[in-house]
Amino acid sequence: MKLILTIVRDDDANEVMDALTDHGFYVTRLASTGGFLRMGNTVLLSGVEDDRVDQMLQIIQAHTQIHVQPPAPNQKEVQVSRAVVFVLELERLAKL
């Protein structure tokens, strides 16, 4: 079993959550602030069976967008990641 931590832009969070729950994934949403993606973001937590991790990653990728930050003076345009996903070993998941 894996613990999936997904950081997405606030703009994409609802669409990603809806798609994941439509495919039977359980998702917990945490509002977060910080500079990881350098803008408002949301952290999604999910406990996922090993054989469903690739499916979840495909869904996340399909429902997020590459965002372009306008350039600051004397800088080039910057593309910001669709999402950042951490896949961690999960020793145990208990739904109580």
PDB file of N, CA and C in Angstrom:
ATOM      1  N   MET A   1       0.849  -1.176   0.000  1.00  0.00           N
ATOM      2  CA  MET A   1       0.000   0.000   0.000  1.00  0.00           C
ATOM      3  C   MET A   1       0.887   1.228   0.000  1.00  0.00           C
ATOM      4  N   LYS A   2       0.407   2.298  -0.634  1.00  0.00           N
ATOM      5  CA  LYS A   2       1.160   3.546  -0.743  1.00  0.00           C
ATOM      6  C   LYS A   2       0.342   4.710  -0.179  1.00  0.00           C
ATOM      7  N   LEU A   3       1.072   5.686   0.334  1.00  0.00           N
ATOM      8  CA  LEU A   3       0.482   6.969   0.704  1.00  0.00           C
ATOM      9  C   LEU A   3       0.877   7.934  -0.397  1.00  0.00           C
ATOM     10  N   ILE A   4      -0.113   8.516  -1.061  1.00  0.00           N
ATOM     11  CA  ILE A   4       0.122   9.449  -2.145  1.00  0.00           C
ATOM     12  C   ILE A   4      -0.152  10.861  -1.630  1.00  0.00           C
ATOM     13  N   LEU A   5       0.873  11.709  -1.667  1.00  0.00           N
ATOM     14  CA  LEU A   5       0.741  13.129  -1.342  1.00  0.00           C
ATOM     15  C   LEU A   5       0.838  13.885  -2.652  1.00  0.00           C
ATOM     16  N   THR A   6      -0.204  14.566  -3.010  1.00  0.00           N
ATOM     17  CA  THR A   6      -0.243  15.288  -4.280  1.00  0.00           C
ATOM     18  C   THR A   6      -0.406  16.773  -4.000  1.00  0.00           C
ATOM     19  N   ILE A   7       0.487  17.578  -4.548  1.00  0.00           N
ATOM     20  CA  ILE A   7       0.383  19.027  -4.420  1.00  0.00           C
ATOM     21  C   ILE A   7      -0.041  19.565  -5.777  1.00  0.00           C
ATOM     22  N   VAL A   8      -1.212  20.200  -5.803  1.00  0.00           N
ATOM     23  CA  VAL A   8      -1.734  20.777  -7.045  1.00  0.00           C
ATOM     24  C   VAL A   8      -2.089  22.234  -6.798  1.00  0.00           C
ATOM     25  N   ARG A   9      -2.154  22.983  -7.879  1.00  0.00           N
ATOM     26  CA  ARG A   9      -2.602  24.370  -7.764  1.00  0.00           C
ATOM     27  C   ARG A   9      -4.056  24.393  -7.317  1.00  0.00           C
ATOM     28  N   ASP A  10      -4.412  25.415  -6.576  1.00  0.00           N
ATOM     29  CA  ASP A  10      -5.803  25.572  -6.145  1.00  0.00           C
ATOM     30  C   ASP A  10      -6.752  25.533  -7.344  1.00  0.00           C
ATOM     31  N   ASP A  11      -6.321  26.084  -8.475  1.00  0.00           N
ATOM     32  CA  ASP A  11      -7.150  26.120  -9.680  1.00  0.00           C
ATOM     33  C   ASP A  11      -7.519  24.719 -10.176  1.00  0.00           C
ATOM     34  N   ASP A  12      -6.666  23.746  -9.936  1.00  0.00           N
ATOM     35  CA  ASP A  12      -6.880  22.390 -10.437  1.00  0.00           C
ATOM     36  C   ASP A  12      -7.451  21.433  -9.393  1.00  0.00           C
ATOM     37  N   ALA A  13      -7.446  21.818  -8.129  1.00  0.00           N
ATOM     38  CA  ALA A  13      -7.760  20.898  -7.034  1.00  0.00           C
ATOM     39  C   ALA A  13      -9.146  20.269  -7.147  1.00  0.00           C
ATOM     40  N   ASN A  14     -10.175  21.059  -7.422  1.00  0.00           N
ATOM     41  CA  ASN A  14     -11.532  20.499  -7.485  1.00  0.00           C
ATOM     42  C   ASN A  14     -11.665  19.471  -8.605  1.00  0.00           C
ATOM     43  N   GLU A  15     -11.121  19.791  -9.763  1.00  0.00           N
ATOM     44  CA  GLU A  15     -11.217  18.873 -10.899  1.00  0.00           C
ATOM     45  C   GLU A  15     -10.468  17.567 -10.617  1.00  0.00           C
ATOM     46  N   VAL A  16      -9.298  17.659 -10.017  1.00  0.00           N
ATOM     47  CA  VAL A  16      -8.525  16.460  -9.686  1.00  0.00           C
ATOM     48  C   VAL A  16      -9.272  15.620  -8.656  1.00  0.00           C
ATOM     49  N   MET A  17      -9.771  16.258  -7.601  1.00  0.00           N
ATOM     50  CA  MET A  17     -10.518  15.526  -6.566  1.00  0.00           C
ATOM     51  C   MET A  17     -11.742  14.832  -7.133  1.00  0.00           C
ATOM     52  N   ASP A  18     -12.507  15.547  -7.959  1.00  0.00           N
ATOM     53  CA  ASP A  18     -13.702  14.956  -8.555  1.00  0.00           C
ATOM     54  C   ASP A  18     -13.357  13.742  -9.410  1.00  0.00           C
ATOM     55  N   ALA A  19     -12.308  13.856 -10.218  1.00  0.00           N
ATOM     56  CA  ALA A  19     -11.904  12.742 -11.080  1.00  0.00           C
ATOM     57  C   ALA A  19     -11.450  11.547 -10.246  1.00  0.00           C
ATOM     58  N   LEU A  20     -10.690  11.801  -9.198  1.00  0.00           N
ATOM     59  CA  LEU A  20     -10.214  10.696  -8.363  1.00  0.00           C
ATOM     60  C   LEU A  20     -11.359   9.996  -7.646  1.00  0.00           C
ATOM     61  N   THR A  21     -12.277  10.769  -7.075  1.00  0.00           N
ATOM     62  CA  THR A  21     -13.399  10.136  -6.376  1.00  0.00           C
ATOM     63  C   THR A  21     -14.329   9.423  -7.357  1.00  0.00           C
ATOM     64  N   ASP A  22     -14.477   9.939  -8.577  1.00  0.00           N
ATOM     65  CA  ASP A  22     -15.272   9.253  -9.599  1.00  0.00           C
ATOM     66  C   ASP A  22     -14.687   7.885  -9.945  1.00  0.00           C
ATOM     67  N   HIS A  23     -13.374   7.733  -9.776  1.00  0.00           N
ATOM     68  CA  HIS A  23     -12.704   6.457 -10.057  1.00  0.00           C
ATOM     69  C   HIS A  23     -12.510   5.618  -8.800  1.00  0.00           C
ATOM     70  N   GLY A  24     -13.182   5.980  -7.717  1.00  0.00           N
ATOM     71  CA  GLY A  24     -13.178   5.157  -6.512  1.00  0.00           C
ATOM     72  C   GLY A  24     -12.030   5.390  -5.540  1.00  0.00           C
ATOM     73  N   PHE A  25     -11.270   6.469  -5.729  1.00  0.00           N
ATOM     74  CA  PHE A  25     -10.194   6.781  -4.793  1.00  0.00           C
ATOM     75  C   PHE A  25     -10.751   7.632  -3.654  1.00  0.00           C
ATOM     76  N   TYR A  26     -10.259   7.387  -2.454  1.00  0.00           N
ATOM     77  CA  TYR A  26     -10.596   8.225  -1.310  1.00  0.00           C
ATOM     78  C   TYR A  26      -9.524   9.307  -1.205  1.00  0.00           C
ATOM     79  N   VAL A  27      -9.963  10.549  -1.038  1.00  0.00           N
ATOM     80  CA  VAL A  27      -9.025  11.674  -1.035  1.00  0.00           C
ATOM     81  C   VAL A  27      -9.359  12.614   0.113  1.00  0.00           C
ATOM     82  N   THR A  28      -8.337  13.026   0.830  1.00  0.00           N
ATOM     83  CA  THR A  28      -8.478  14.058   1.854  1.00  0.00           C
ATOM     84  C   THR A  28      -7.754  15.295   1.365  1.00  0.00           C
ATOM     85  N   ARG A  29      -8.425  16.427   1.482  1.00  0.00           N
ATOM     86  CA  ARG A  29      -7.892  17.691   0.973  1.00  0.00           C
ATOM     87  C   ARG A  29      -7.405  18.547   2.133  1.00  0.00           C
ATOM     88  N   LEU A  30      -6.204  19.091   1.984  1.00  0.00           N
ATOM     89  CA  LEU A  30      -5.648  20.013   2.965  1.00  0.00           C
ATOM     90  C   LEU A  30      -5.281  21.313   2.254  1.00  0.00           C
ATOM     91  N   ALA A  31      -5.744  22.425   2.778  1.00  0.00           N
ATOM     92  CA  ALA A  31      -5.325  23.713   2.227  1.00  0.00           C
ATOM     93  C   ALA A  31      -3.899  23.958   2.687  1.00  0.00           C
ATOM     94  N   SER A  32      -3.091  24.509   1.822  1.00  0.00           N
ATOM     95  CA  SER A  32      -1.712  24.776   2.218  1.00  0.00           C
ATOM     96  C   SER A  32      -1.237  26.085   1.614  1.00  0.00           C
ATOM     97  N   THR A  33      -0.212  26.601   2.216  1.00  0.00           N
ATOM     98  CA  THR A  33       0.428  27.790   1.691  1.00  0.00           C
ATOM     99  C   THR A  33       1.927  27.535   1.639  1.00  0.00           C
ATOM    100  N   GLY A  34       2.595  28.257   0.822  1.00  0.00           N
ATOM    101  CA  GLY A  34       4.031  28.080   0.733  1.00  0.00           C
ATOM    102  C   GLY A  34       4.489  28.275  -0.690  1.00  0.00           C
ATOM    103  N   GLY A  35       5.760  28.111  -0.869  1.00  0.00           N
ATOM    104  CA  GLY A  35       6.350  28.402  -2.161  1.00  0.00           C
ATOM    105  C   GLY A  35       6.722  27.199  -2.976  1.00  0.00           C
ATOM    106  N   PHE A  36       6.212  26.010  -2.638  1.00  0.00           N
ATOM    107  CA  PHE A  36       6.637  24.823  -3.367  1.00  0.00           C
ATOM    108  C   PHE A  36       6.323  24.950  -4.849  1.00  0.00           C
ATOM    109  N   LEU A  37       5.107  25.354  -5.166  1.00  0.00           N
ATOM    110  CA  LEU A  37       4.763  25.659  -6.555  1.00  0.00           C
ATOM    111  C   LEU A  37       4.668  27.166  -6.770  1.00  0.00           C
ATOM    112  N   ARG A  38       5.048  27.934  -5.762  1.00  0.00           N
ATOM    113  CA  ARG A  38       5.088  29.401  -5.800  1.00  0.00           C
ATOM    114  C   ARG A  38       3.737  30.049  -6.067  1.00  0.00           C
ATOM    115  N   MET A  39       2.691  29.422  -5.587  1.00  0.00           N
ATOM    116  CA  MET A  39       1.350  29.979  -5.704  1.00  0.00           C
ATOM    117  C   MET A  39       0.432  29.189  -4.792  1.00  0.00           C
ATOM    118  N   GLY A  40      -0.848  29.597  -4.707  1.00  0.00           N
ATOM    119  CA  GLY A  40      -1.793  28.878  -3.865  1.00  0.00           C
ATOM    120  C   GLY A  40      -1.876  27.428  -4.284  1.00  0.00           C
ATOM    121  N   ASN A  41      -1.823  26.525  -3.305  1.00  0.00           N
ATOM    122  CA  ASN A  41      -1.878  25.120  -3.652  1.00  0.00           C
ATOM    123  C   ASN A  41      -2.690  24.335  -2.645  1.00  0.00           C
ATOM    124  N   THR A  42      -2.973  23.104  -3.004  1.00  0.00           N
ATOM    125  CA  THR A  42      -3.744  22.185  -2.191  1.00  0.00           C
ATOM    126  C   THR A  42      -2.977  20.878  -2.116  1.00  0.00           C
ATOM    127  N   VAL A  43      -2.991  20.254  -0.933  1.00  0.00           N
ATOM    128  CA  VAL A  43      -2.375  18.946  -0.766  1.00  0.00           C
ATOM    129  C   VAL A  43      -3.494  17.913  -0.677  1.00  0.00           C
ATOM    130  N   LEU A  44      -3.390  16.872  -1.498  1.00  0.00           N
ATOM    131  CA  LEU A  44      -4.349  15.774  -1.474  1.00  0.00           C
ATOM    132  C   LEU A  44      -3.653  14.543  -0.905  1.00  0.00           C
ATOM    133  N   LEU A  45      -4.285  13.886   0.050  1.00  0.00           N
ATOM    134  CA  LEU A  45      -3.742  12.677   0.674  1.00  0.00           C
ATOM    135  C   LEU A  45      -4.617  11.496   0.292  1.00  0.00           C
ATOM    136  N   SER A  46      -3.976  10.384  -0.084  1.00  0.00           N
ATOM    137  CA  SER A  46      -4.728   9.177  -0.438  1.00  0.00           C
ATOM    138  C   SER A  46      -3.932   7.940  -0.063  1.00  0.00           C
ATOM    139  N   GLY A  47      -4.599   6.969   0.525  1.00  0.00           N
ATOM    140  CA  GLY A  47      -4.022   5.644   0.705  1.00  0.00           C
ATOM    141  C   GLY A  47      -4.449   4.808  -0.492  1.00  0.00           C
ATOM    142  N   VAL A  48      -3.491   4.212  -1.207  1.00  0.00           N
ATOM    143  CA  VAL A  48      -3.779   3.557  -2.477  1.00  0.00           C
ATOM    144  C   VAL A  48      -3.097   2.189  -2.521  1.00  0.00           C
ATOM    145  N   GLU A  49      -3.825   1.202  -3.014  1.00  0.00           N
ATOM    146  CA  GLU A  49      -3.230  -0.114  -3.237  1.00  0.00           C
ATOM    147  C   GLU A  49      -2.137   0.007  -4.284  1.00  0.00           C
ATOM    148  N   ASP A  50      -1.089  -0.788  -4.149  1.00  0.00           N
ATOM    149  CA  ASP A  50       0.063  -0.714  -5.049  1.00  0.00           C
ATOM    150  C   ASP A  50      -0.328  -0.805  -6.520  1.00  0.00           C
ATOM    151  N   ASP A  51      -1.273  -1.670  -6.834  1.00  0.00           N
ATOM    152  CA  ASP A  51      -1.639  -1.882  -8.243  1.00  0.00           C
ATOM    153  C   ASP A  51      -2.490  -0.757  -8.835  1.00  0.00           C
ATOM    154  N   ARG A  52      -2.872   0.234  -8.023  1.00  0.00           N
ATOM    155  CA  ARG A  52      -3.674   1.352  -8.529  1.00  0.00           C
ATOM    156  C   ARG A  52      -2.900   2.665  -8.597  1.00  0.00           C
ATOM    157  N   VAL A  53      -1.626   2.654  -8.203  1.00  0.00           N
ATOM    158  CA  VAL A  53      -0.831   3.890  -8.185  1.00  0.00           C
ATOM    159  C   VAL A  53      -0.716   4.490  -9.581  1.00  0.00           C
ATOM    160  N   ASP A  54      -0.385   3.683 -10.583  1.00  0.00           N
ATOM    161  CA  ASP A  54      -0.235   4.208 -11.945  1.00  0.00           C
ATOM    162  C   ASP A  54      -1.540   4.816 -12.454  1.00  0.00           C
ATOM    163  N   GLN A  55      -2.666   4.180 -12.146  1.00  0.00           N
ATOM    164  CA  GLN A  55      -3.966   4.719 -12.556  1.00  0.00           C
ATOM    165  C   GLN A  55      -4.193   6.087 -11.922  1.00  0.00           C
ATOM    166  N   MET A  56      -3.853   6.201 -10.650  1.00  0.00           N
ATOM    167  CA  MET A  56      -4.044   7.478  -9.965  1.00  0.00           C
ATOM    168  C   MET A  56      -3.169   8.560 -10.583  1.00  0.00           C
ATOM    169  N   LEU A  57      -1.917   8.245 -10.880  1.00  0.00           N
ATOM    170  CA  LEU A  57      -1.023   9.221 -11.500  1.00  0.00           C
ATOM    171  C   LEU A  57      -1.537   9.671 -12.861  1.00  0.00           C
ATOM    172  N   GLN A  58      -2.096   8.748 -13.630  1.00  0.00           N
ATOM    173  CA  GLN A  58      -2.654   9.105 -14.940  1.00  0.00           C
ATOM    174  C   GLN A  58      -3.836  10.051 -14.789  1.00  0.00           C
ATOM    175  N   ILE A  59      -4.683   9.799 -13.802  1.00  0.00           N
ATOM    176  CA  ILE A  59      -5.841  10.661 -13.566  1.00  0.00           C
ATOM    177  C   ILE A  59      -5.384  12.055 -13.155  1.00  0.00           C
ATOM    178  N   ILE A  60      -4.412  12.126 -12.265  1.00  0.00           N
ATOM    179  CA  ILE A  60      -3.899  13.432 -11.825  1.00  0.00           C
ATOM    180  C   ILE A  60      -3.333  14.193 -13.015  1.00  0.00           C
ATOM    181  N   GLN A  61      -2.542  13.533 -13.826  1.00  0.00           N
ATOM    182  CA  GLN A  61      -1.940  14.194 -14.986  1.00  0.00           C
ATOM    183  C   GLN A  61      -3.000  14.664 -15.974  1.00  0.00           C
ATOM    184  N   ALA A  62      -4.048  13.858 -16.169  1.00  0.00           N
ATOM    185  CA  ALA A  62      -5.096  14.206 -17.128  1.00  0.00           C
ATOM    186  C   ALA A  62      -5.951  15.390 -16.668  1.00  0.00           C
ATOM    187  N   HIS A  63      -5.961  15.673 -15.372  1.00  0.00           N
ATOM    188  CA  HIS A  63      -6.847  16.716 -14.847  1.00  0.00           C
ATOM    189  C   HIS A  63      -6.097  17.896 -14.239  1.00  0.00           C
ATOM    190  N   THR A  64      -4.857  18.065 -14.643  1.00  0.00           N
ATOM    191  CA  THR A  64      -4.102  19.244 -14.241  1.00  0.00           C
ATOM    192  C   THR A  64      -3.543  19.890 -15.494  1.00  0.00           C
ATOM    193  N   GLN A  65      -3.189  21.131 -15.368  1.00  0.00           N
ATOM    194  CA  GLN A  65      -2.698  21.888 -16.515  1.00  0.00           C
ATOM    195  C   GLN A  65      -1.302  22.412 -16.225  1.00  0.00           C
ATOM    196  N   ILE A  66      -0.524  22.566 -17.277  1.00  0.00           N
ATOM    197  CA  ILE A  66       0.751  23.270 -17.132  1.00  0.00           C
ATOM    198  C   ILE A  66       0.411  24.756 -17.103  1.00  0.00           C
ATOM    199  N   HIS A  67       0.881  25.440 -16.105  1.00  0.00           N
ATOM    200  CA  HIS A  67       0.613  26.864 -15.957  1.00  0.00           C
ATOM    201  C   HIS A  67       1.870  27.650 -16.288  1.00  0.00           C
ATOM    202  N   VAL A  68       1.681  28.775 -16.941  1.00  0.00           N
ATOM    203  CA  VAL A  68       2.804  29.617 -17.327  1.00  0.00           C
ATOM    204  C   VAL A  68       2.756  30.899 -16.507  1.00  0.00           C
ATOM    205  N   GLN A  69       3.849  31.172 -15.818  1.00  0.00           N
ATOM    206  CA  GLN A  69       3.943  32.412 -15.063  1.00  0.00           C
ATOM    207  C   GLN A  69       4.487  33.492 -15.984  1.00  0.00           C
ATOM    208  N   PRO A  70       3.860  34.649 -15.980  1.00  0.00           N
ATOM    209  CA  PRO A  70       4.387  35.740 -16.799  1.00  0.00           C
ATOM    210  C   PRO A  70       5.792  36.092 -16.338  1.00  0.00           C
ATOM    211  N   PRO A  71       6.637  36.450 -17.275  1.00  0.00           N
ATOM    212  CA  PRO A  71       8.015  36.761 -16.887  1.00  0.00           C
ATOM    213  C   PRO A  71       8.119  38.058 -16.098  1.00  0.00           C
ATOM    214  N   ALA A  72       9.031  38.043 -15.166  1.00  0.00           N
ATOM    215  CA  ALA A  72       9.378  39.272 -14.468  1.00  0.00           C
ATOM    216  C   ALA A  72      10.322  40.047 -15.389  1.00  0.00           C
ATOM    217  N   PRO A  73      10.537  41.314 -15.117  1.00  0.00           N
ATOM    218  CA  PRO A  73      11.459  42.072 -15.975  1.00  0.00           C
ATOM    219  C   PRO A  73      12.807  41.358 -16.099  1.00  0.00           C
ATOM    220  N   ASN A  74      13.290  41.282 -17.318  1.00  0.00           N
ATOM    221  CA  ASN A  74      14.582  40.667 -17.639  1.00  0.00           C
ATOM    222  C   ASN A  74      14.644  39.167 -17.359  1.00  0.00           C
ATOM    223  N   GLN A  75      13.490  38.508 -17.323  1.00  0.00           N
ATOM    224  CA  GLN A  75      13.475  37.059 -17.127  1.00  0.00           C
ATOM    225  C   GLN A  75      12.606  36.403 -18.182  1.00  0.00           C
ATOM    226  N   LYS A  76      12.840  35.117 -18.399  1.00  0.00           N
ATOM    227  CA  LYS A  76      12.048  34.360 -19.365  1.00  0.00           C
ATOM    228  C   LYS A  76      10.757  33.861 -18.717  1.00  0.00           C
ATOM    229  N   GLU A  77       9.793  33.557 -19.570  1.00  0.00           N
ATOM    230  CA  GLU A  77       8.548  32.952 -19.122  1.00  0.00           C
ATOM    231  C   GLU A  77       8.856  31.613 -18.455  1.00  0.00           C
ATOM    232  N   VAL A  78       8.135  31.269 -17.392  1.00  0.00           N
ATOM    233  CA  VAL A  78       8.407  30.052 -16.630  1.00  0.00           C
ATOM    234  C   VAL A  78       7.172  29.156 -16.645  1.00  0.00           C
ATOM    235  N   GLN A  79       7.375  27.865 -16.992  1.00  0.00           N
ATOM    236  CA  GLN A  79       6.291  26.896 -16.892  1.00  0.00           C
ATOM    237  C   GLN A  79       6.344  26.258 -15.514  1.00  0.00           C
ATOM    238  N   VAL A  80       5.190  26.175 -14.863  1.00  0.00           N
ATOM    239  CA  VAL A  80       5.082  25.608 -13.533  1.00  0.00           C
ATOM    240  C   VAL A  80       4.501  24.208 -13.664  1.00  0.00           C
ATOM    241  N   SER A  81       5.001  23.293 -12.881  1.00  0.00           N
ATOM    242  CA  SER A  81       4.572  21.894 -12.939  1.00  0.00           C
ATOM    243  C   SER A  81       3.062  21.745 -12.833  1.00  0.00           C
ATOM    244  N   ARG A  82       2.572  20.676 -13.441  1.00  0.00           N
ATOM    245  CA  ARG A  82       1.158  20.332 -13.323  1.00  0.00           C
ATOM    246  C   ARG A  82       0.832  19.993 -11.878  1.00  0.00           C
ATOM    247  N   ALA A  83       1.634  19.134 -11.308  1.00  0.00           N
ATOM    248  CA  ALA A  83       1.438  18.685  -9.930  1.00  0.00           C
ATOM    249  C   ALA A  83       2.752  18.093  -9.464  1.00  0.00           C
ATOM    250  N   VAL A  84       2.902  18.015  -8.170  1.00  0.00           N
ATOM    251  CA  VAL A  84       4.035  17.308  -7.586  1.00  0.00           C
ATOM    252  C   VAL A  84       3.438  16.188  -6.754  1.00  0.00           C
ATOM    253  N   VAL A  85       3.881  14.967  -7.019  1.00  0.00           N
ATOM    254  CA  VAL A  85       3.301  13.794  -6.364  1.00  0.00           C
ATOM    255  C   VAL A  85       4.399  13.024  -5.642  1.00  0.00           C
ATOM    256  N   PHE A  86       4.173  12.749  -4.366  1.00  0.00           N
ATOM    257  CA  PHE A  86       5.073  11.925  -3.573  1.00  0.00           C
ATOM    258  C   PHE A  86       4.388  10.583  -3.348  1.00  0.00           C
ATOM    259  N   VAL A  87       5.073   9.503  -3.660  1.00  0.00           N
ATOM    260  CA  VAL A  87       4.556   8.154  -3.447  1.00  0.00           C
ATOM    261  C   VAL A  87       5.403   7.531  -2.347  1.00  0.00           C
ATOM    262  N   LEU A  88       4.778   7.265  -1.202  1.00  0.00           N
ATOM    263  CA  LEU A  88       5.483   6.780  -0.020  1.00  0.00           C
ATOM    264  C   LEU A  88       4.960   5.409   0.393  1.00  0.00           C
ATOM    265  N   GLU A  89       5.850   4.592   0.919  1.00  0.00           N
ATOM    266  CA  GLU A  89       5.413   3.313   1.480  1.00  0.00           C
ATOM    267  C   GLU A  89       4.487   3.581   2.666  1.00  0.00           C
ATOM    268  N   LEU A  90       3.446   2.799   2.760  1.00  0.00           N
ATOM    269  CA  LEU A  90       2.486   2.940   3.850  1.00  0.00           C
ATOM    270  C   LEU A  90       2.421   1.607   4.573  1.00  0.00           C
ATOM    271  N   GLU A  91       2.806   1.614   5.818  1.00  0.00           N
ATOM    272  CA  GLU A  91       2.834   0.372   6.580  1.00  0.00           C
ATOM    273  C   GLU A  91       1.429  -0.157   6.850  1.00  0.00           C
ATOM    274  N   ARG A  92       0.512   0.759   7.131  1.00  0.00           N
ATOM    275  CA  ARG A  92      -0.834   0.322   7.492  1.00  0.00           C
ATOM    276  C   ARG A  92      -1.822   1.450   7.252  1.00  0.00           C
ATOM    277  N   LEU A  93      -3.024   1.092   6.838  1.00  0.00           N
ATOM    278  CA  LEU A  93      -4.117   2.052   6.666  1.00  0.00           C
ATOM    279  C   LEU A  93      -5.322   1.510   7.414  1.00  0.00           C
ATOM    280  N   ALA A  94      -5.843   2.278   8.335  1.00  0.00           N
ATOM    281  CA  ALA A  94      -7.017   1.851   9.107  1.00  0.00           C
ATOM    282  C   ALA A  94      -8.108   2.883   8.929  1.00  0.00           C
ATOM    283  N   LYS A  95      -9.267   2.449   8.458  1.00  0.00           N
ATOM    284  CA  LYS A  95     -10.439   3.332   8.349  1.00  0.00           C
ATOM    285  C   LYS A  95     -11.330   3.017   9.536  1.00  0.00           C
ATOM    286  N   LEU A  96     -11.384   3.936  10.487  1.00  0.00           N
ATOM    287  CA  LEU A  96     -12.120   3.695  11.730  1.00  0.00           C
ATOM    288  C   LEU A  96     -13.399   4.497  11.789  1.00  0.00           C
TER     289      LEU A  96
END
